[in-house]
Amino acid sequence: MPKFHLLKWLGLGSLILGLDQLTKWWVQVTLILGERIEIFPWFSWVRWHNEGAAFSLLNSAGGWQRWFFVVLAIVFVGFILAELWRMPVRDRWMGWAYGLILGGALGNFFDRLMNDNGYVVDFVLVHYEDYYFPAFNLADSALFMGAALWIWRMVEESRQRRSGHEFEHTEK
């Protein structure tokens, strides 16, 4: 049976990938490395390069981390595609989660392949006085939102199973 319903979730992933790469391109042609433009007292645009993962994990690991993150992304994208294939047609929430995660993972994957030293371009900085949340990008945001949706669905499924109701894959 054809899986045409997957096209909308693959389209969502492609849209996230495209927007992520477009915003990173804009940052690279607009800002110089290390530049910071304060928009609000708590929000700035920046151009920072992160060779690590979330929260700059492994940022200074000597270069091997680039290929580790590339392989990790390939494996994870394969897993997400397999999950999309097995996903029930009417489970829209998981479709959203997988589409967001797919687009975010591919966005940072392409950065690691295309940029010298395998860095990812980060450009959103949220801060308060001397307290800073690590800079991030659109791909990171999509990954976070997709993971949050995924966790929410797992909690809902567990809650419904404990209450004796069959888990329903439809929106209410």
Protein backbone atom coordinates (compact mmCIF):
# COMPACT_ATOMS: atom_id res chain seq x y z
CA MET A 1 0.00 0.00 0.00
CA PRO A 2 1.45 3.41 -0.96
CA LYS A 3 2.43 5.66 1.91
CA PHE A 4 1.37 8.98 0.37
CA HIS A 5 0.46 10.37 3.79
CA LEU A 6 4.18 10.44 4.59
CA LEU A 7 4.74 13.16 2.01
CA LYS A 8 3.33 15.86 4.29
CA TRP A 9 5.76 14.90 7.09
CA LEU A 10 8.69 14.64 4.69
CA GLY A 11 7.56 18.02 3.34
CA LEU A 12 7.60 19.45 6.85
CA GLY A 13 11.14 18.14 7.34
CA SER A 14 12.17 19.64 4.00
CA LEU A 15 10.59 22.99 4.90
CA ILE A 16 12.47 23.07 8.23
CA LEU A 17 15.71 22.14 6.44
CA GLY A 18 15.20 24.87 3.85
CA LEU A 19 14.31 27.58 6.37
CA ASP A 20 17.22 26.55 8.61
CA GLN A 21 19.73 26.75 5.77
CA LEU A 22 18.26 30.05 4.55
CA THR A 23 18.51 31.67 8.00
CA LYS A 24 22.06 30.42 8.47
CA TRP A 25 23.03 31.74 5.05
CA TRP A 26 21.50 35.12 5.93
CA VAL A 27 23.46 35.23 9.19
CA GLN A 28 26.70 34.37 7.40
CA VAL A 29 26.32 37.10 4.78
CA THR A 30 25.02 39.70 7.25
CA LEU A 31 27.14 39.26 10.38
CA ILE A 32 30.85 38.69 10.91
CA LEU A 33 31.95 35.84 13.14
CA GLY A 34 31.50 36.83 16.79
CA GLU A 35 29.27 39.81 16.03
CA ARG A 36 26.32 40.47 18.33
CA ILE A 37 23.36 42.77 17.69
CA GLU A 38 21.11 43.40 20.68
CA ILE A 39 17.45 43.48 19.65
CA PHE A 40 15.94 43.56 23.15
CA PRO A 41 17.62 43.66 26.56
CA TRP A 42 17.10 39.86 26.69
CA PHE A 43 17.51 38.87 23.01
CA SER A 44 20.36 39.25 20.50
CA TRP A 45 21.28 38.11 17.01
CA VAL A 46 24.79 36.65 16.91
CA ARG A 47 27.04 34.75 14.57
CA TRP A 48 28.77 32.00 16.44
CA HIS A 49 30.21 28.73 15.17
CA ASN A 50 29.71 25.63 17.30
CA GLU A 51 31.80 22.56 16.48
CA GLY A 52 30.07 20.63 19.27
CA ALA A 53 26.54 19.56 20.02
CA ALA A 54 23.88 21.09 22.26
CA PHE A 55 25.35 23.40 24.91
CA SER A 56 28.69 23.19 23.02
CA LEU A 57 29.22 19.60 24.17
CA LEU A 58 32.52 18.35 22.66
CA ASN A 59 33.15 21.78 21.08
CA SER A 60 36.91 21.51 21.66
CA ALA A 61 37.35 17.77 21.12
CA GLY A 62 39.97 18.12 18.40
CA GLY A 63 37.94 17.50 15.24
CA TRP A 64 36.83 13.87 15.56
CA GLN A 65 33.45 15.06 16.85
CA ARG A 66 32.52 16.35 13.39
CA TRP A 67 32.39 12.83 11.94
CA PHE A 68 30.85 11.41 15.10
CA PHE A 69 27.93 13.88 14.77
CA VAL A 70 27.65 13.21 11.01
CA VAL A 71 27.36 9.45 11.58
CA LEU A 72 25.00 10.01 14.50
CA ALA A 73 22.77 12.19 12.28
CA ILE A 74 22.72 9.57 9.50
CA VAL A 75 21.71 6.84 11.95
CA PHE A 76 19.09 9.04 13.61
CA VAL A 77 17.60 10.23 10.31
CA GLY A 78 17.35 6.57 9.23
CA PHE A 79 15.57 5.76 12.49
CA ILE A 80 13.12 8.66 12.04
CA LEU A 81 12.37 7.62 8.46
CA ALA A 82 11.69 4.04 9.62
CA GLU A 83 9.41 5.34 12.38
CA LEU A 84 7.55 7.52 9.87
CA TRP A 85 7.06 4.48 7.65
CA ARG A 86 5.58 2.45 10.54
CA MET A 87 3.53 5.31 11.95
CA PRO A 88 -0.26 4.94 11.79
CA VAL A 89 -1.81 7.22 9.16
CA ARG A 90 -3.90 9.16 11.67
CA ASP A 91 -1.17 9.83 14.26
CA ARG A 92 -0.68 13.48 13.32
CA TRP A 93 1.09 14.45 16.53
CA MET A 94 3.89 11.95 15.90
CA GLY A 95 4.00 13.07 12.27
CA TRP A 96 4.65 16.61 13.49
CA ALA A 97 7.29 15.35 15.93
CA TYR A 98 9.10 13.26 13.32
CA GLY A 99 8.91 16.00 10.67
CA LEU A 100 10.37 18.61 13.02
CA ILE A 101 13.12 16.27 14.22
CA LEU A 102 13.95 15.21 10.66
CA GLY A 103 14.29 18.79 9.43
CA GLY A 104 16.34 19.87 12.43
CA ALA A 105 18.68 16.90 12.24
CA LEU A 106 19.24 17.42 8.52
CA GLY A 107 19.83 21.16 8.98
CA ASN A 108 22.70 20.65 11.41
CA PHE A 109 23.92 17.62 9.42
CA PHE A 110 24.37 19.76 6.30
CA ASP A 111 26.21 22.41 8.30
CA ARG A 112 28.67 19.81 9.57
CA LEU A 113 29.29 18.50 6.06
CA MET A 114 29.58 21.87 4.30
CA ASN A 115 31.40 24.10 6.80
CA ASP A 116 35.12 23.97 7.49
CA ASN A 117 35.82 22.15 10.76
CA GLY A 118 32.21 20.87 10.80
CA TYR A 119 30.75 23.78 12.71
CA VAL A 120 27.07 24.63 13.03
CA VAL A 121 26.01 28.28 12.71
CA ASP A 122 24.17 29.51 15.82
CA PHE A 123 22.50 32.92 15.80
CA VAL A 124 19.79 33.25 18.46
CA LEU A 125 20.99 34.36 21.90
CA VAL A 126 18.62 34.69 24.84
CA HIS A 127 20.08 36.31 27.96
CA TYR A 128 19.36 38.17 31.15
CA GLU A 129 22.06 40.43 32.57
CA ASP A 130 25.09 38.10 32.93
CA TYR A 131 23.09 34.88 32.43
CA TYR A 132 23.12 33.40 28.95
CA PHE A 133 21.29 30.47 27.41
CA PRO A 134 23.57 28.86 24.80
CA ALA A 135 23.10 30.29 21.32
CA PHE A 136 21.01 28.16 18.98
CA ASN A 137 19.50 28.07 15.49
CA LEU A 138 16.27 27.09 13.74
CA ALA A 139 17.34 23.43 13.41
CA ASP A 140 17.95 23.27 17.18
CA SER A 141 14.51 24.78 17.81
CA ALA A 142 12.83 22.24 15.52
CA LEU A 143 14.69 19.38 17.22
CA PHE A 144 13.59 20.64 20.63
CA MET A 145 9.94 21.07 19.62
CA GLY A 146 9.88 17.66 17.92
CA ALA A 147 11.42 15.97 20.95
CA ALA A 148 8.96 17.72 23.28
CA LEU A 149 6.03 16.50 21.15
CA TRP A 150 7.48 12.99 21.10
CA ILE A 151 7.81 12.93 24.90
CA TRP A 152 4.29 14.32 25.32
CA ARG A 153 2.91 11.54 23.07
CA MET A 154 4.77 8.86 25.04
CA VAL A 155 3.38 10.22 28.31
CA GLU A 156 -0.15 10.34 26.88
CA GLU A 157 0.15 6.81 25.53
CA SER A 158 1.38 5.54 28.89
CA ARG A 159 -1.38 7.38 30.72
CA GLN A 160 -4.07 5.90 28.47
CA ARG A 161 -2.68 2.38 28.79
CA ARG A 162 -2.61 2.63 32.59
CA SER A 163 -6.23 3.79 32.64
CA GLY A 164 -7.23 0.72 30.61
CA HIS A 165 -8.09 2.59 27.44
CA GLU A 166 -6.61 1.61 24.15
CA PHE A 167 -4.21 4.27 22.91
CA GLU A 168 -5.81 6.25 20.13
CA HIS A 169 -3.71 7.69 17.32
CA THR A 170 -6.05 10.52 16.45
CA GLU A 171 -6.28 14.15 17.39
CA LYS A 172 -9.06 15.06 19.76
